[in-house]
Amino acid sequence: MVDLAPAAPLAATPPLPPYRDRSTGLTIFGVFQIILGLLAALMVPLVALSAFLSRMAPGGAMRPGQYVASSGTYAFLAAALITLGIGSVRMKRWAHALTLVTSWYWLVMGALITVLLTAMLPVVMRSALSQAQLRAGGGPPADISNGVMAVILTVMIVFAAFFLVIVPIAFVVFYSRQDVAETCRRRDPVDRWTDRAPLPVLGATVIYFTGALYLLVVGSTTPLFPFFGRYLHGLAGAAGFVALAALDFYLAFAIFHLKTAGWWLAVLTSPIRLASMAITYARADLMQAYSKIGFSDEQLKMLNANPMLRSHVILWWSLLSLLIFFGYLLWLKRYFNLPAANPALPVAALPEVIHD
């Protein structure tokens, strides 16, 4: 006998919560990134013009290493911003992830830079005016009133705060929205390499990778390596930067793949870096080290007259940045207790789209 009784109905799958399509916002923010990248690209010829005009300046011509480092930095920023902007317009998952982690880094560093500028710009401007008056024999330019000085400083600080704090806050707020992430998953349903690690871990990977590139540039252009109380220069300094860059490349690889040994190596080497830099900044003579790599006497006088360099503010600010990153590394330990990163949601499990 055949049982013709109807089968029990399958349990209905509860519907997933809907989300809004954010393709318009992704396009707007992507175009803004492309514009910022083009502005960074425009700085490359301006650096070349500055190098040409520096031949007529009292301090002498810009060193080739300075030109290479400045133009290379702006070219890298331009390429990164334009690439992320195009990826955001195309609503790629990798562009969303990389834009979010770089925006957080942009915000933290921008806030520190804004505080530094607010504290040091008045001193730097007054020092620059005093130097200009000394070159003019104590005559013109005339003293600038406190009101005019306050207006100039306010405009400069507001301009810096807008691009270093306000703009990255807008990026962080927008790209942190769940609707934006779901839009990118829907429009780009293929698993990308950025999906293989949690976003905070991806952020540390990007920092180590870009830091390694920066160390290679510095090692080839300004080989002054701080090493426990002295500056190594020449081949020794360049070798120190190359070795540190190799370490950072490995840490970027190991942390991205959630290797616990890589995390421990990063945590153990960070205090050693901090100690080496702090001891060197406190004991070694930076101006003497600059003279060993080809800075002229006039350039050394100009650098020594700069309050930010004379007081080692920038150097100690760099130490503070490394200390903040060390705390971030300690916070990342929670992700290295997991056996593996969670896989991305399949396409069929994505919620329905509600268009604006």
Protein backbone atom coordinates (compact mmCIF):
# COMPACT_ATOMS: atom_id res chain seq x y z
CA MET A 1 0.00 0.00 0.00
CA VAL A 2 1.24 3.45 -0.87
CA ASP A 3 0.84 6.09 1.79
CA LEU A 4 -0.80 9.02 0.03
CA ALA A 5 -0.83 11.22 3.14
CA PRO A 6 0.75 14.62 2.48
CA ALA A 7 4.24 15.12 3.84
CA ALA A 8 4.75 17.47 6.72
CA PRO A 9 5.58 20.98 5.43
CA LEU A 10 9.15 22.16 5.83
CA ALA A 11 9.79 24.80 8.44
CA ALA A 12 9.78 28.22 6.85
CA THR A 13 13.11 30.02 6.86
CA PRO A 14 12.75 33.30 8.72
CA PRO A 15 13.36 36.24 6.38
CA LEU A 16 16.58 38.14 6.85
CA PRO A 17 16.31 41.81 7.71
CA PRO A 18 16.26 44.11 4.68
CA TYR A 19 18.83 46.76 3.96
CA ARG A 20 19.06 49.87 1.82
CA ASP A 21 21.07 49.94 -1.36
CA ARG A 22 23.95 52.40 -0.88
CA SER A 23 25.33 52.37 -4.42
CA THR A 24 24.79 56.13 -4.77
CA GLY A 25 26.77 56.88 -1.64
CA LEU A 26 29.55 54.49 -2.71
CA THR A 27 29.78 56.33 -6.02
CA ILE A 28 29.92 59.76 -4.34
CA PHE A 29 32.62 58.73 -1.86
CA GLY A 30 34.53 56.93 -4.60
CA VAL A 31 34.56 60.04 -6.81
CA PHE A 32 35.76 62.08 -3.83
CA GLN A 33 38.62 59.62 -3.31
CA ILE A 34 39.57 59.93 -6.97
CA ILE A 35 39.62 63.74 -6.63
CA LEU A 36 41.87 63.49 -3.58
CA GLY A 37 44.14 61.13 -5.52
CA LEU A 38 44.39 63.58 -8.41
CA LEU A 39 45.27 66.36 -5.97
CA ALA A 40 48.01 64.16 -4.52
CA ALA A 41 49.27 63.46 -8.06
CA LEU A 42 49.48 67.22 -8.70
CA MET A 43 51.91 67.48 -5.79
CA VAL A 44 54.53 65.46 -7.71
CA PRO A 45 55.29 68.25 -10.26
CA LEU A 46 55.07 70.79 -7.45
CA VAL A 47 57.81 68.90 -5.60
CA ALA A 48 59.89 69.00 -8.79
CA LEU A 49 59.31 72.76 -9.02
CA SER A 50 60.35 73.16 -5.38
CA ALA A 51 63.53 71.20 -6.07
CA PHE A 52 64.32 73.53 -8.97
CA LEU A 53 63.61 76.71 -6.99
CA SER A 54 65.62 75.46 -4.01
CA ARG A 55 68.80 76.03 -6.02
CA MET A 56 68.25 79.76 -5.56
CA ALA A 57 67.37 79.51 -1.87
CA PRO A 58 69.90 80.41 0.86
CA GLY A 59 69.98 76.85 2.13
CA GLY A 60 71.07 75.37 -1.17
CA ALA A 61 69.48 72.86 -3.51
CA MET A 62 67.16 70.13 -2.30
CA ARG A 63 68.96 66.83 -1.84
CA PRO A 64 68.07 64.14 -4.43
CA GLY A 65 66.93 61.88 -1.61
CA GLN A 66 64.46 64.48 -0.38
CA TYR A 67 62.99 64.85 -3.86
CA VAL A 68 62.70 61.09 -4.36
CA ALA A 69 61.08 60.55 -0.94
CA SER A 70 58.57 63.40 -1.33
CA SER A 71 57.56 62.65 -4.91
CA GLY A 72 57.41 58.90 -4.23
CA THR A 73 55.14 59.45 -1.21
CA TYR A 74 52.71 61.61 -3.17
CA ALA A 75 52.74 59.19 -6.11
CA PHE A 76 51.92 56.28 -3.78
CA LEU A 77 49.08 58.23 -2.15
CA ALA A 78 47.69 59.18 -5.54
CA ALA A 79 47.77 55.59 -6.81
CA ALA A 80 46.17 54.25 -3.61
CA LEU A 81 43.38 56.85 -3.50
CA ILE A 82 42.53 56.54 -7.18
CA THR A 83 42.51 52.73 -6.99
CA LEU A 84 40.26 52.72 -3.92
CA GLY A 85 38.02 55.35 -5.49
CA ILE A 86 37.53 53.30 -8.66
CA GLY A 87 36.89 50.19 -6.57
CA SER A 88 34.30 52.05 -4.50
CA VAL A 89 32.51 53.31 -7.62
CA ARG A 90 32.44 49.72 -8.90
CA MET A 91 31.26 48.62 -5.42
CA LYS A 92 34.01 46.04 -4.88
CA ARG A 93 34.28 44.28 -1.56
CA TRP A 94 38.03 44.81 -1.32
CA ALA A 95 37.60 48.54 -1.86
CA HIS A 96 35.05 48.75 0.97
CA ALA A 97 37.31 46.87 3.41
CA LEU A 98 40.50 48.74 2.54
CA THR A 99 38.78 52.13 2.56
CA LEU A 100 37.34 51.48 6.01
CA VAL A 101 40.62 50.40 7.63
CA THR A 102 42.65 53.17 5.97
CA SER A 103 40.04 55.74 7.01
CA TRP A 104 40.46 54.71 10.65
CA TYR A 105 44.23 55.06 10.31
CA TRP A 106 43.74 58.41 8.55
CA LEU A 107 41.51 59.62 11.40
CA VAL A 108 43.82 58.59 14.25
CA MET A 109 46.97 59.98 12.64
CA GLY A 110 45.13 63.08 11.42
CA ALA A 111 43.91 63.86 14.92
CA LEU A 112 47.46 63.55 16.29
CA ILE A 113 48.83 65.76 13.51
CA THR A 114 46.13 68.38 14.11
CA VAL A 115 47.01 68.53 17.81
CA LEU A 116 50.70 68.84 16.92
CA LEU A 117 50.04 71.65 14.45
CA THR A 118 47.83 73.50 16.91
CA ALA A 119 50.56 73.40 19.54
CA MET A 120 53.57 74.15 17.34
CA LEU A 121 52.40 76.38 14.47
CA PRO A 122 52.47 79.62 16.50
CA VAL A 123 56.05 78.94 17.59
CA VAL A 124 57.14 77.93 14.09
CA MET A 125 55.62 81.02 12.45
CA ARG A 126 57.18 83.44 14.92
CA SER A 127 60.54 81.75 14.49
CA ALA A 128 60.24 81.98 10.69
CA LEU A 129 59.39 85.69 10.88
CA SER A 130 62.36 86.33 13.16
CA GLN A 131 64.69 84.55 10.74
CA ALA A 132 63.31 86.59 7.83
CA GLN A 133 63.90 89.83 9.74
CA LEU A 134 67.48 88.82 10.56
CA ARG A 135 68.19 88.12 6.87
CA ALA A 136 66.76 91.55 6.02
CA GLY A 137 69.13 93.24 8.47
CA GLY A 138 66.53 93.89 11.12
CA GLY A 139 64.34 95.86 8.73
CA PRO A 140 61.26 94.73 6.84
CA PRO A 141 59.22 92.63 6.91
CA ALA A 142 57.40 94.52 9.63
CA ASP A 143 55.96 92.81 12.65
CA ILE A 144 52.62 91.18 12.06
CA SER A 145 49.98 92.09 14.58
CA ASN A 146 48.61 89.47 16.92
CA GLY A 147 45.20 89.72 15.25
CA VAL A 148 46.57 88.98 11.77
CA MET A 149 48.70 86.15 13.16
CA ALA A 150 45.67 84.66 14.89
CA VAL A 151 43.63 84.77 11.66
CA ILE A 152 46.39 83.08 9.65
CA LEU A 153 46.87 80.36 12.26
CA THR A 154 43.13 79.77 12.57
CA VAL A 155 42.74 79.33 8.80
CA MET A 156 45.66 76.90 8.64
CA ILE A 157 44.43 74.83 11.59
CA VAL A 158 40.84 74.73 10.32
CA PHE A 159 42.06 73.66 6.88
CA ALA A 160 44.18 70.89 8.41
CA ALA A 161 41.38 69.76 10.74
CA PHE A 162 38.92 69.53 7.83
CA PHE A 163 41.08 67.19 5.72
CA LEU A 164 42.72 65.33 8.60
CA VAL A 165 39.74 64.89 10.95
CA ILE A 166 36.37 65.84 9.42
CA VAL A 167 36.85 64.06 6.08
CA PRO A 168 38.06 60.74 7.58
CA ILE A 169 35.20 60.84 10.11
CA ALA A 170 32.77 61.03 7.19
CA PHE A 171 34.46 58.06 5.53
CA VAL A 172 34.47 56.01 8.75
CA VAL A 173 30.80 56.72 9.47
CA PHE A 174 29.66 55.86 5.95
CA TYR A 175 31.78 52.77 5.30
CA SER A 176 31.03 51.37 8.78
CA ARG A 177 27.33 51.08 7.95
CA GLN A 178 26.04 47.55 7.54
CA ASP A 179 24.01 48.66 4.53
CA VAL A 180 27.22 49.66 2.73
CA ALA A 181 28.85 46.29 3.41
CA GLU A 182 25.74 44.42 2.24
CA THR A 183 25.57 46.51 -0.92
CA CYS A 184 29.16 45.58 -1.79
CA ARG A 185 28.49 41.90 -1.06
CA ARG A 186 25.44 41.96 -3.31
CA ARG A 187 27.11 43.82 -6.18
CA ASP A 188 30.36 41.87 -5.85
CA PRO A 189 29.35 38.31 -4.84
CA VAL A 190 32.85 36.81 -5.34
CA ASP A 191 35.01 36.19 -2.28
CA ARG A 192 37.94 38.60 -2.21
CA TRP A 193 41.28 38.38 -0.43
CA THR A 194 40.16 41.01 2.08
CA ASP A 195 37.43 38.60 3.29
CA ARG A 196 40.02 36.18 4.66
CA ALA A 197 40.78 38.21 7.79
CA PRO A 198 38.73 40.33 10.22
CA LEU A 199 38.79 44.03 9.45
CA PRO A 200 40.90 45.02 12.52
CA VAL A 201 43.50 42.41 11.53
CA LEU A 202 43.40 43.69 7.96
CA GLY A 203 44.11 47.18 9.31
CA ALA A 204 47.26 46.00 11.09
CA THR A 205 48.33 44.20 7.92
CA VAL A 206 47.98 47.39 5.86
CA ILE A 207 49.95 49.38 8.45
CA TYR A 208 52.84 46.90 8.47
CA PHE A 209 52.90 46.63 4.68
CA THR A 210 52.89 50.38 4.03
CA GLY A 211 55.36 50.86 6.90
CA ALA A 212 57.75 48.42 5.23
CA LEU A 213 57.52 50.37 1.96
CA TYR A 214 58.19 53.61 3.86
CA LEU A 215 61.25 52.11 5.55
CA LEU A 216 62.68 51.10 2.18
CA VAL A 217 62.22 54.63 0.86
CA VAL A 218 63.83 56.20 3.93
CA GLY A 219 66.68 53.72 3.88
CA SER A 220 67.51 54.60 0.27
CA THR A 221 67.11 58.39 0.61
CA THR A 222 67.98 59.32 4.21
CA PRO A 223 69.88 56.41 5.75
CA LEU A 224 69.92 57.54 9.39
CA PHE A 225 68.92 54.51 11.43
CA PRO A 226 68.34 55.10 15.20
CA PHE A 227 70.04 52.27 17.06
CA PHE A 228 70.16 52.40 20.88
CA GLY A 229 71.78 55.79 21.37
CA ARG A 230 73.45 56.44 18.03
CA TYR A 231 72.51 57.03 14.39
CA LEU A 232 73.82 54.49 11.91
CA HIS A 233 74.46 56.15 8.55
CA GLY A 234 75.63 55.09 5.13
CA LEU A 235 75.51 51.39 4.34
CA ALA A 236 74.98 50.48 7.99
CA GLY A 237 71.95 52.77 8.23
CA ALA A 238 70.51 51.52 4.95
CA ALA A 239 71.00 47.91 6.08
CA GLY A 240 69.13 48.64 9.31
CA PHE A 241 66.14 50.02 7.41
CA VAL A 242 66.14 47.09 4.98
CA ALA A 243 66.22 44.58 7.84
CA LEU A 244 63.36 46.34 9.60
CA ALA A 245 61.38 46.49 6.35
CA ALA A 246 61.87 42.74 5.85
CA LEU A 247 60.55 42.15 9.37
CA ASP A 248 57.48 44.30 8.69
CA PHE A 249 56.77 42.48 5.42
CA TYR A 250 56.81 39.19 7.30
CA LEU A 251 54.61 40.55 10.09
CA ALA A 252 52.10 41.80 7.52
CA PHE A 253 51.94 38.30 6.01
CA ALA A 254 51.79 36.46 9.34
CA ILE A 255 49.18 38.72 10.96
CA PHE A 256 46.96 38.60 7.88
CA HIS A 257 46.99 34.78 8.04
CA LEU A 258 46.21 34.91 11.79
CA LYS A 259 49.46 33.23 12.79
CA THR A 260 49.85 33.44 16.55
CA ALA A 261 53.65 33.36 16.22
CA GLY A 262 53.45 36.46 14.03
CA TRP A 263 51.37 38.30 16.62
CA TRP A 264 53.82 37.39 19.40
CA LEU A 265 56.76 38.53 17.27
CA ALA A 266 55.03 41.87 16.62
CA VAL A 267 54.29 42.37 20.32
CA LEU A 268 57.82 41.47 21.42
CA THR A 269 59.63 43.59 18.83
CA SER A 270 57.51 46.73 19.28
CA PRO A 271 58.93 47.62 22.75
CA ILE A 272 62.46 47.05 21.41
CA ARG A 273 61.79 49.53 18.60
CA LEU A 274 60.36 52.02 21.06
CA ALA A 275 63.34 51.69 23.39
CA SER A 276 65.87 52.05 20.56
CA MET A 277 64.21 55.18 19.18
CA ALA A 278 63.70 56.78 22.60
CA ILE A 279 67.31 56.22 23.68
CA THR A 280 68.63 57.55 20.38
CA TYR A 281 66.42 60.63 20.37
CA ALA A 282 67.44 61.43 23.95
CA ARG A 283 71.21 60.96 23.56
CA ALA A 284 72.31 61.32 19.93
CA ASP A 285 72.88 64.60 18.07
CA LEU A 286 70.50 64.67 15.11
CA MET A 287 72.17 67.67 13.44
CA GLN A 288 75.55 65.96 13.53
CA ALA A 289 73.98 62.88 11.98
CA TYR A 290 72.46 64.99 9.20
CA SER A 291 75.88 66.47 8.45
CA LYS A 292 77.26 62.96 7.85
CA ILE A 293 74.82 62.28 5.02
CA GLY A 294 75.55 65.42 3.04
CA PHE A 295 73.50 68.30 4.51
CA SER A 296 75.23 71.66 3.98
CA ASP A 297 76.05 74.03 6.83
CA GLU A 298 73.33 76.44 5.72
CA GLN A 299 70.75 73.64 5.65
CA LEU A 300 71.83 72.53 9.12
CA LYS A 301 71.40 76.08 10.41
CA MET A 302 67.89 76.23 8.98
CA LEU A 303 67.00 72.86 10.47
CA ASN A 304 68.45 73.80 13.83
CA ALA A 305 66.42 77.03 13.81
CA ASN A 306 63.20 75.06 13.34
CA PRO A 307 61.55 74.74 16.78
CA MET A 308 59.90 71.45 15.86
CA LEU A 309 63.26 69.82 15.12
CA ARG A 310 65.23 71.63 17.81
CA SER A 311 62.86 70.42 20.51
CA HIS A 312 62.53 66.94 18.97
CA VAL A 313 58.75 67.32 18.99
CA ILE A 314 58.27 65.38 15.76
CA LEU A 315 60.51 62.58 16.97
CA TRP A 316 58.68 62.21 20.26
CA TRP A 317 55.38 62.45 18.37
CA SER A 318 56.55 59.46 16.31
CA LEU A 319 57.19 57.56 19.53
CA LEU A 320 53.66 58.35 20.71
CA SER A 321 52.27 57.00 17.43
CA LEU A 322 54.22 53.76 17.88
CA LEU A 323 52.98 53.48 21.46
CA ILE A 324 49.35 53.80 20.31
CA PHE A 325 49.94 51.12 17.68
CA PHE A 326 51.44 48.84 20.33
CA GLY A 327 48.24 49.14 22.35
CA TYR A 328 46.30 48.29 19.19
CA LEU A 329 48.39 45.15 18.76
CA LEU A 330 47.57 44.06 22.30
CA TRP A 331 43.86 44.61 21.59
CA LEU A 332 44.14 42.37 18.48
CA LYS A 333 44.99 39.30 20.61
CA ARG A 334 41.30 38.31 20.69
CA TYR A 335 41.39 37.47 16.97
CA PHE A 336 44.34 35.13 17.33
CA ASN A 337 42.50 32.87 19.76
CA LEU A 338 40.18 31.76 16.94
CA PRO A 339 41.09 28.76 14.77
CA ALA A 340 40.18 30.58 11.55
CA ALA A 341 38.32 33.58 10.24
CA ASN A 342 34.62 33.21 9.58
CA PRO A 343 33.82 32.63 5.90
CA ALA A 344 31.78 35.18 4.01
CA LEU A 345 28.04 34.70 3.66
CA PRO A 346 26.93 32.82 0.54
CA VAL A 347 25.13 34.79 -2.12
CA ALA A 348 21.84 32.99 -1.49
CA ALA A 349 21.85 34.11 2.13
CA LEU A 350 22.04 37.80 1.33
CA PRO A 351 18.99 39.83 2.29
CA GLU A 352 16.78 41.57 -0.21
CA VAL A 353 17.59 45.08 -1.36
CA ILE A 354 15.44 48.09 -0.63
CA HIS A 355 16.37 50.79 -3.10
CA ASP A 356 16.31 54.44 -2.10
